[in-house]
Amino acid sequence: MIRAEFLIEGINDLASLATGPIPRVGAFAEELGRIENASLAIDGGRFAFVGTARRARRDVRLRSGGRAIDLGGACVVPGFVDAHTHLLFAGDRSDEVEAKVHGASYVEIARHGGGIASTVRRTRAATTSGLFRSAKDRLLRMLANGTTTAEVKSGYALTHAGELRLLRLVPRLARATGMRLVPTYLGAHAVPSGPKGSRARYVHEILRRTLPVVARQKLARYCDVFCEPGFFSVGESRRILGEARRLGLGRKVHADEFAYTGGALLAASMGAVSAEHLLETPRADWRELRRAGVTAVLLPATPFTSMARRRSPGREMIDEGLSVALGTDLSPNSWIESMPIVLAHAVYSARLTPAEAIVASTVNAAHAIGASTESGVIAVGRSADFAAFDLSSVDRIPYRYGSRPSAVYRRGIRVPST
């Protein structure tokens, strides 16, 4: 007999994601591990039972003081995993929207002092308490939308002390929100403005000063680079990722978002866990990603917010046999806090099926940030993180643009709605 503190009943359709390989590719890209008329039992913040309501009635007993909760026919998925966020920033870029409307590109806006540079100025000027509060508010809205695990990049300070200040906020934010957060060092987000020669000095600072501290103090699990024209070259990115590898950090690459640079090939050659954006990556380079086991982290809502002409090539990549994951790209340029909205863009723009979008936002996203032992799956022994929607089936979550959970649970505790 299974003893539990909570019994979650009234689940019409459960996507457990508990069957199939991690990450899911090829024929497994739609494997949801669905259970109809399901129940969940939770004990000590972990799933103690996952199965049919009929089996639960036979096998589960509530502890003294335990409680049964009826979801009234909802559908349930694991807590979403956001595989790509730039959470830590101050201010916004609402003043750039008009320029985008009139055709200005991301690179053109950056060239005139906007974009990353404008956010860096605001972030450097912000107090630590102010940065903490604003990031916490964003995380709580993400949590209310069903995200229980997220990657968090630095990258809006671009100084040694500033980047460390941002990374040190991540464990504090995890404690304050109850979310599982995976920190990534992105000091190579842009080159800070300065006199001639400052570019080389900044790269040297990343290599010889900041990366060693990040690794020694375990401030990040991954090192990322913005390998794009006008930001960091393939050669510079290779040096930074090589040092990160030597220091024991995982590798990620912002690759081929604005133009083809070979960033995806760099990710494959450096043993990166993921290459991200990939709007301009040619099909031949996809095959190298597949061979190297690199997950393609797609951000299908970002071309929409950037008013770009291209869409994320999700359908084509899945058909090519790549592992595909999803993220919001939450940032001042792409202020999206809802993974269900990203799932809708993944279906209607990137052309994933609803099942593929759910896989890409749970098990595959967890794999892309090194969280697959805890996140992305509803299974006995796993952390009891899940989102319930007042919809009859999980397929309807991406179908209904802007779907919002009726209930979100983290470690078995219901999260207050915002």
Protein backbone atom coordinates (compact mmCIF):
# COMPACT_ATOMS: atom_id res chain seq x y z
CA MET A 1 0.00 0.00 0.00
CA ILE A 2 1.25 3.48 -0.96
CA ARG A 3 0.92 6.17 1.70
CA ALA A 4 0.60 9.77 0.57
CA GLU A 5 -0.03 13.26 1.86
CA PHE A 6 -2.00 14.32 -1.22
CA LEU A 7 -4.04 12.47 -3.80
CA ILE A 8 -4.66 14.45 -7.00
CA GLU A 9 -7.79 13.16 -8.72
CA GLY A 10 -10.02 14.23 -11.59
CA ILE A 11 -7.31 14.23 -14.28
CA ASN A 12 -8.89 13.58 -17.66
CA ASP A 13 -5.59 13.48 -19.60
CA LEU A 14 -2.10 13.20 -18.09
CA ALA A 15 1.08 13.63 -20.14
CA SER A 16 3.63 11.97 -17.86
CA LEU A 17 6.55 12.08 -20.33
CA ALA A 18 7.80 9.03 -18.39
CA THR A 19 8.22 6.70 -21.36
CA GLY A 20 10.83 7.03 -24.07
CA PRO A 21 14.44 8.23 -24.26
CA ILE A 22 15.79 11.57 -23.11
CA PRO A 23 16.18 13.60 -25.21
CA ARG A 24 13.38 12.60 -27.57
CA VAL A 25 14.30 12.49 -31.27
CA GLY A 26 12.83 11.00 -34.41
CA ALA A 27 9.93 8.64 -33.81
CA PHE A 28 10.00 9.45 -30.09
CA ALA A 29 9.54 13.22 -30.54
CA GLU A 30 5.81 12.88 -29.85
CA GLU A 31 6.00 10.32 -27.03
CA LEU A 32 4.04 11.83 -24.12
CA GLY A 33 3.39 8.81 -21.92
CA ARG A 34 -0.30 9.70 -21.74
CA ILE A 35 -2.66 8.27 -19.13
CA GLU A 36 -6.42 8.82 -19.32
CA ASN A 37 -8.51 9.17 -16.15
CA ALA A 38 -5.35 9.50 -14.09
CA SER A 39 -4.47 10.18 -10.47
CA LEU A 40 -1.28 11.32 -8.77
CA ALA A 41 -0.16 10.70 -5.20
CA ILE A 42 2.38 12.99 -3.54
CA ASP A 43 4.41 12.36 -0.43
CA GLY A 44 7.29 14.43 0.87
CA GLY A 45 7.15 16.71 -2.17
CA ARG A 46 7.65 13.82 -4.60
CA PHE A 47 5.38 11.66 -6.69
CA ALA A 48 4.53 8.46 -4.84
CA PHE A 49 2.05 7.15 -7.42
CA VAL A 50 1.40 7.91 -11.10
CA GLY A 51 -1.31 5.92 -12.85
CA THR A 52 -4.99 5.41 -13.45
CA ALA A 53 -7.64 6.51 -10.99
CA ARG A 54 -8.77 2.90 -10.75
CA ARG A 55 -5.32 1.75 -9.61
CA ALA A 56 -5.06 4.68 -7.21
CA ARG A 57 -8.29 3.66 -5.48
CA ARG A 58 -6.79 0.22 -4.94
CA ASP A 59 -3.17 1.09 -4.10
CA VAL A 60 -3.09 4.53 -2.43
CA ARG A 61 -4.08 5.50 1.10
CA LEU A 62 -3.86 8.99 2.51
CA ARG A 63 -1.88 9.56 5.66
CA SER A 64 -3.62 10.95 8.70
CA GLY A 65 -4.43 14.54 7.87
CA GLY A 66 -3.84 13.93 4.15
CA ARG A 67 -6.05 15.49 1.52
CA ALA A 68 -7.65 14.50 -1.79
CA ILE A 69 -7.78 17.24 -4.44
CA ASP A 70 -10.16 16.99 -7.39
CA LEU A 71 -9.01 18.82 -10.54
CA GLY A 72 -12.44 18.43 -12.13
CA GLY A 73 -11.43 16.83 -15.42
CA ALA A 74 -8.34 18.97 -16.13
CA CYS A 75 -5.36 17.90 -18.20
CA VAL A 76 -1.91 17.79 -16.58
CA VAL A 77 1.65 18.15 -17.87
CA PRO A 78 5.00 18.28 -16.05
CA GLY A 79 6.08 21.73 -14.94
CA PHE A 80 7.47 23.46 -18.01
CA VAL A 81 11.22 23.87 -18.40
CA ASP A 82 12.33 27.18 -19.94
CA ALA A 83 15.66 26.38 -21.59
CA HIS A 84 16.73 29.94 -22.45
CA THR A 85 16.17 33.13 -20.44
CA HIS A 86 17.97 36.44 -19.93
CA LEU A 87 16.11 37.02 -16.68
CA LEU A 88 18.57 39.34 -14.93
CA PHE A 89 18.17 42.89 -16.22
CA ALA A 90 16.88 46.34 -15.36
CA GLY A 91 14.57 48.57 -17.39
CA ASP A 92 12.99 47.74 -20.72
CA ARG A 93 13.29 48.58 -24.43
CA SER A 94 9.79 49.75 -25.18
CA ASP A 95 11.35 52.78 -26.86
CA GLU A 96 12.76 50.50 -29.59
CA VAL A 97 9.41 49.15 -30.79
CA GLU A 98 8.76 52.02 -33.18
CA ALA A 99 12.18 51.56 -34.79
CA LYS A 100 11.40 47.85 -35.28
CA VAL A 101 8.04 48.74 -36.83
CA HIS A 102 9.86 50.93 -39.35
CA GLY A 103 12.24 48.12 -40.28
CA ALA A 104 15.29 48.62 -38.06
CA SER A 105 17.06 45.34 -37.35
CA TYR A 106 18.42 44.18 -34.00
CA VAL A 107 21.98 44.86 -35.20
CA GLU A 108 21.08 48.36 -36.47
CA ILE A 109 19.44 49.26 -33.17
CA ALA A 110 22.52 48.00 -31.31
CA ARG A 111 24.80 50.03 -33.58
CA HIS A 112 23.01 53.21 -32.46
CA GLY A 113 23.43 52.51 -28.76
CA GLY A 114 20.24 50.54 -28.20
CA GLY A 115 19.74 46.84 -27.65
CA ILE A 116 22.10 45.14 -25.24
CA ALA A 117 24.10 48.32 -24.59
CA SER A 118 21.05 50.21 -23.34
CA THR A 119 20.13 47.37 -20.98
CA VAL A 120 23.72 47.16 -19.75
CA ARG A 121 23.63 50.83 -18.77
CA ARG A 122 20.42 50.35 -16.78
CA THR A 123 21.54 47.09 -15.20
CA ARG A 124 24.87 48.52 -14.04
CA ALA A 125 23.05 51.46 -12.48
CA ALA A 126 20.45 49.32 -10.69
CA THR A 127 20.77 48.39 -7.04
CA THR A 128 21.19 44.73 -6.16
CA SER A 129 17.91 44.80 -4.25
CA GLY A 130 16.18 46.33 -7.26
CA LEU A 131 17.55 43.67 -9.60
CA PHE A 132 16.47 40.98 -7.17
CA ARG A 133 12.92 42.30 -6.86
CA SER A 134 12.37 42.71 -10.59
CA ALA A 135 13.77 39.25 -11.37
CA LYS A 136 11.70 37.68 -8.59
CA ASP A 137 8.52 39.29 -9.96
CA ARG A 138 9.27 37.91 -13.43
CA LEU A 139 9.94 34.44 -12.03
CA LEU A 140 6.69 34.41 -10.07
CA ARG A 141 4.76 35.27 -13.24
CA MET A 142 6.62 32.50 -15.08
CA LEU A 143 5.74 30.09 -12.28
CA ALA A 144 2.06 31.05 -12.42
CA ASN A 145 2.19 30.22 -16.15
CA GLY A 146 3.46 26.72 -15.39
CA THR A 147 7.26 27.06 -15.55
CA THR A 148 8.87 25.32 -12.58
CA THR A 149 12.44 25.06 -13.92
CA ALA A 150 14.40 27.64 -15.90
CA GLU A 151 17.86 28.42 -17.17
CA VAL A 152 19.06 31.91 -16.15
CA LYS A 153 21.81 33.68 -18.10
CA SER A 154 23.91 36.60 -16.95
CA GLY A 155 25.18 39.01 -19.59
CA TYR A 156 23.82 42.49 -18.90
CA ALA A 157 26.70 43.82 -16.80
CA LEU A 158 29.75 43.04 -18.98
CA THR A 159 32.25 43.65 -16.19
CA HIS A 160 33.95 41.16 -13.91
CA ALA A 161 32.23 42.36 -10.73
CA GLY A 162 28.92 43.02 -12.46
CA GLU A 163 28.60 39.56 -13.97
CA LEU A 164 29.45 37.93 -10.64
CA ARG A 165 26.81 40.12 -8.95
CA LEU A 166 24.17 38.83 -11.38
CA LEU A 167 25.13 35.17 -11.00
CA ARG A 168 25.09 35.42 -7.20
CA LEU A 169 21.44 36.44 -7.38
CA VAL A 170 20.40 33.12 -8.93
CA PRO A 171 20.47 30.89 -5.80
CA ARG A 172 18.75 33.65 -3.83
CA LEU A 173 16.01 33.81 -6.44
CA ALA A 174 15.62 30.02 -6.40
CA ARG A 175 15.12 30.09 -2.63
CA ALA A 176 12.70 33.03 -2.80
CA THR A 177 10.49 31.56 -5.55
CA GLY A 178 10.88 27.81 -4.97
CA MET A 179 11.81 27.32 -8.63
CA ARG A 180 14.68 25.19 -9.89
CA LEU A 181 17.09 27.61 -11.60
CA VAL A 182 20.16 26.69 -13.65
CA PRO A 183 22.71 29.54 -13.98
CA THR A 184 24.66 30.21 -17.17
CA TYR A 185 27.55 32.68 -17.45
CA LEU A 186 27.12 34.86 -20.55
CA GLY A 187 29.83 37.46 -20.07
CA ALA A 188 30.44 37.11 -23.82
CA HIS A 189 27.08 38.69 -24.62
CA ALA A 190 28.51 41.85 -26.15
CA VAL A 191 31.74 43.83 -26.04
CA PRO A 192 31.40 46.81 -23.69
CA SER A 193 32.08 50.17 -25.25
CA GLY A 194 35.51 51.62 -24.61
CA PRO A 195 38.71 52.90 -26.22
CA LYS A 196 40.68 51.09 -28.89
CA GLY A 197 41.95 47.78 -27.64
CA SER A 198 39.17 47.33 -25.10
CA ARG A 199 37.78 44.35 -27.05
CA ALA A 200 40.96 42.32 -26.54
CA ARG A 201 41.12 43.39 -22.90
CA TYR A 202 37.54 42.29 -22.29
CA VAL A 203 38.09 38.86 -23.85
CA HIS A 204 41.24 38.51 -21.75
CA GLU A 205 39.26 39.46 -18.63
CA ILE A 206 36.67 36.76 -19.38
CA LEU A 207 39.38 34.14 -19.96
CA ARG A 208 41.80 34.90 -17.16
CA ARG A 209 39.73 36.60 -14.48
CA THR A 210 36.00 35.93 -14.57
CA LEU A 211 35.73 32.36 -15.87
CA PRO A 212 38.10 30.97 -13.20
CA VAL A 213 36.05 32.60 -10.43
CA VAL A 214 32.76 31.40 -11.93
CA ALA A 215 34.09 27.84 -12.08
CA ARG A 216 35.84 27.84 -8.69
CA GLN A 217 32.86 29.30 -6.84
CA LYS A 218 30.36 27.20 -8.85
CA LEU A 219 28.39 30.29 -9.81
CA ALA A 220 27.26 28.76 -13.13
CA ARG A 221 26.79 25.35 -14.66
CA TYR A 222 27.33 26.55 -18.23
CA CYS A 223 29.22 29.16 -20.22
CA ASP A 224 27.45 30.70 -23.22
CA VAL A 225 28.75 32.95 -26.03
CA PHE A 226 26.91 35.31 -28.37
CA CYS A 227 28.57 34.23 -31.60
CA GLU A 228 27.08 36.74 -34.03
CA PRO A 229 28.35 39.46 -36.40
CA GLY A 230 29.23 42.56 -34.41
CA PHE A 231 29.42 40.64 -31.15
CA PHE A 232 31.88 37.73 -30.79
CA SER A 233 33.67 35.99 -33.65
CA VAL A 234 33.95 32.24 -34.02
CA GLY A 235 37.62 32.48 -33.01
CA GLU A 236 36.90 34.48 -29.86
CA SER A 237 33.99 32.21 -29.01
CA ARG A 238 36.16 29.12 -29.45
CA ARG A 239 38.78 30.49 -27.04
CA ILE A 240 36.15 31.29 -24.41
CA LEU A 241 34.39 27.94 -24.71
CA GLY A 242 37.72 26.10 -24.71
CA GLU A 243 38.66 27.71 -21.41
CA ALA A 244 35.20 26.95 -20.02
CA ARG A 245 35.66 23.31 -20.97
CA ARG A 246 39.09 23.24 -19.32
CA LEU A 247 37.53 24.60 -16.13
CA GLY A 248 34.77 22.00 -16.13
CA LEU A 249 31.85 24.17 -17.28
CA GLY A 250 29.28 23.02 -19.81
CA ARG A 251 29.07 24.90 -23.09
CA LYS A 252 26.24 26.67 -24.94
CA VAL A 253 26.26 28.86 -28.05
CA HIS A 254 23.97 31.62 -29.30
CA ALA A 255 24.35 30.70 -32.95
CA ASP A 256 23.29 31.96 -36.38
CA GLU A 257 20.41 34.17 -35.24
CA PHE A 258 21.04 37.18 -37.49
CA ALA A 259 23.43 35.73 -40.07
CA TYR A 260 25.30 32.53 -40.74
CA THR A 261 28.59 32.55 -38.83
CA GLY A 262 29.30 28.87 -38.25
CA GLY A 263 28.19 29.14 -34.64
CA ALA A 264 26.29 25.86 -34.80
CA LEU A 265 29.38 24.08 -36.14
CA LEU A 266 31.34 25.60 -33.27
CA ALA A 267 28.80 24.17 -30.81
CA ALA A 268 29.20 20.73 -32.37
CA SER A 269 32.99 20.87 -32.32
CA MET A 270 33.14 22.10 -28.70
CA GLY A 271 30.83 19.42 -27.31
CA ALA A 272 28.18 21.97 -26.37
CA VAL A 273 24.99 20.72 -24.79
CA SER A 274 22.98 23.15 -26.92
CA ALA A 275 23.04 25.61 -29.79
CA GLU A 276 20.37 28.31 -29.53
CA HIS A 277 18.30 30.43 -31.96
CA LEU A 278 19.61 28.84 -35.23
CA LEU A 279 17.47 30.91 -37.60
CA GLU A 280 20.19 31.09 -40.27
CA THR A 281 21.87 27.70 -39.79
CA PRO A 282 22.03 25.68 -43.03
CA ARG A 283 20.77 22.11 -43.16
CA ALA A 284 24.29 20.69 -43.56
CA ASP A 285 25.19 22.12 -40.15
CA TRP A 286 22.08 20.57 -38.60
CA ARG A 287 23.55 17.19 -39.41
CA GLU A 288 26.70 18.08 -37.49
CA LEU A 289 24.58 19.07 -34.51
CA ARG A 290 22.76 15.75 -34.72
CA ARG A 291 25.98 13.76 -34.96
CA ALA A 292 27.46 15.61 -31.98
CA GLY A 293 24.31 15.16 -29.88
CA VAL A 294 23.74 18.92 -29.53
CA THR A 295 20.19 19.98 -28.67
CA ALA A 296 18.71 22.77 -30.79
CA VAL A 297 17.10 25.24 -28.38
CA LEU A 298 14.56 27.14 -30.45
CA LEU A 299 12.93 30.41 -29.40
CA PRO A 300 9.97 30.58 -31.78
CA ALA A 301 8.40 33.69 -30.25
CA THR A 302 11.58 35.76 -30.67
CA PRO A 303 11.28 36.29 -34.46
CA PHE A 304 7.74 37.50 -33.72
CA THR A 305 8.83 40.06 -31.09
CA SER A 306 11.83 41.06 -33.21
CA MET A 307 9.62 41.43 -36.30
CA ALA A 308 12.02 39.19 -38.20
CA ARG A 309 11.12 37.59 -41.51
CA ARG A 310 12.33 34.11 -40.67
CA ARG A 311 10.69 31.51 -38.44
CA SER A 312 12.34 28.91 -36.24
CA PRO A 313 12.86 25.78 -38.39
CA GLY A 314 11.41 23.37 -35.85
CA ARG A 315 9.53 21.09 -38.24
CA GLU A 316 12.55 20.67 -40.45
CA MET A 317 14.93 20.04 -37.57
CA ILE A 318 12.75 17.37 -35.99
CA ASP A 319 12.38 15.69 -39.37
CA GLU A 320 16.19 15.80 -39.66
CA GLY A 321 16.45 13.88 -36.38
CA LEU A 322 17.63 16.69 -34.10
CA SER A 323 16.76 16.99 -30.45
CA VAL A 324 14.67 20.18 -30.19
CA ALA A 325 13.95 22.14 -27.00
CA LEU A 326 12.10 25.40 -26.39
CA GLY A 327 12.68 28.58 -24.41
CA THR A 328 11.05 31.98 -24.01
CA ASP A 329 14.19 34.06 -24.59
CA LEU A 330 12.80 36.26 -21.80
CA SER A 331 14.70 39.55 -22.11
CA PRO A 332 14.02 43.24 -22.74
CA ASN A 333 13.95 42.40 -26.47
CA SER A 334 11.57 39.46 -26.06
CA TRP A 335 9.59 40.00 -22.87
CA ILE A 336 7.76 36.69 -22.74
CA GLU A 337 7.07 35.02 -19.40
CA SER A 338 4.62 32.36 -20.57
CA MET A 339 5.76 28.97 -21.85
CA PRO A 340 2.21 28.17 -23.09
CA ILE A 341 2.54 31.14 -25.45
CA VAL A 342 5.88 29.75 -26.64
CA LEU A 343 4.20 26.37 -27.25
CA ALA A 344 1.61 28.11 -29.43
CA HIS A 345 4.38 29.79 -31.47
CA ALA A 346 6.16 26.44 -31.71
CA VAL A 347 3.04 24.97 -33.31
CA TYR A 348 1.75 27.84 -35.44
CA SER A 349 5.13 29.24 -36.52
CA ALA A 350 7.83 26.59 -36.07
CA ARG A 351 5.32 23.90 -37.19
CA LEU A 352 5.79 21.40 -34.38
CA THR A 353 2.84 19.19 -33.56
CA PRO A 354 1.24 19.86 -30.16
CA ALA A 355 2.84 16.68 -28.78
CA GLU A 356 6.28 17.69 -30.11
CA ALA A 357 5.91 21.12 -28.51
CA ILE A 358 5.12 19.54 -25.13
CA VAL A 359 8.13 17.23 -25.43
CA ALA A 360 10.35 20.18 -26.40
CA SER A 361 9.21 22.21 -23.37
CA THR A 362 9.62 19.42 -20.82
CA VAL A 363 12.01 16.47 -21.19
CA ASN A 364 14.08 17.93 -24.04
CA ALA A 365 14.34 21.35 -22.40
CA ALA A 366 15.38 19.71 -19.13
CA HIS A 367 18.09 17.80 -20.98
CA ALA A 368 19.33 21.03 -22.59
CA ILE A 369 20.01 22.60 -19.18
CA GLY A 370 21.22 19.52 -17.31
CA ALA A 371 18.06 19.15 -15.23
CA SER A 372 16.66 15.90 -16.62
CA THR A 373 17.14 13.93 -13.39
CA GLU A 374 14.53 16.10 -11.63
CA SER A 375 12.54 18.14 -14.16
CA GLY A 376 10.36 17.52 -17.17
CA VAL A 377 8.80 14.18 -16.17
CA ILE A 378 5.96 13.02 -13.94
CA ALA A 379 7.22 9.76 -12.43
CA VAL A 380 7.44 8.08 -9.04
CA GLY A 381 10.34 9.52 -7.06
CA ARG A 382 10.54 12.75 -9.07
CA SER A 383 9.88 16.20 -7.67
CA ALA A 384 6.12 16.79 -7.78
CA ASP A 385 6.15 19.68 -10.27
CA PHE A 386 3.17 19.91 -12.63
CA ALA A 387 0.67 22.25 -14.25
CA ALA A 388 -3.04 21.61 -14.64
CA PHE A 389 -5.18 23.24 -17.33
CA ASP A 390 -8.97 23.36 -17.49
CA LEU A 391 -8.84 21.72 -20.90
CA SER A 392 -9.94 18.22 -21.83
CA SER A 393 -6.62 17.19 -23.40
CA VAL A 394 -2.99 18.30 -23.38
CA ASP A 395 -3.11 18.88 -27.16
CA ARG A 396 -5.28 21.91 -26.50
CA ILE A 397 -2.60 23.73 -24.45
CA PRO A 398 -0.68 25.00 -27.52
CA TYR A 399 -3.86 25.09 -29.62
CA ARG A 400 -5.43 27.70 -27.30
CA TYR A 401 -3.08 30.67 -27.70
CA GLY A 402 -2.37 32.17 -24.29
CA SER A 403 -3.57 29.15 -22.30
CA ARG A 404 -3.03 29.65 -18.59
CA PRO A 405 -2.87 26.91 -15.95
CA SER A 406 -5.72 26.54 -13.50
CA ALA A 407 -3.21 25.21 -10.95
CA VAL A 408 0.57 24.87 -10.70
CA TYR A 409 2.34 22.66 -8.18
CA ARG A 410 6.00 22.83 -7.20
CA ARG A 411 7.35 20.09 -4.91
CA GLY A 412 3.77 19.08 -4.25
CA ILE A 413 2.64 22.49 -3.02
CA ARG A 414 0.18 24.57 -4.99
CA VAL A 415 1.68 27.83 -6.18
CA PRO A 416 -0.34 31.02 -5.48
CA SER A 417 -1.70 32.53 -8.67
CA THR A 418 -0.51 36.04 -9.56
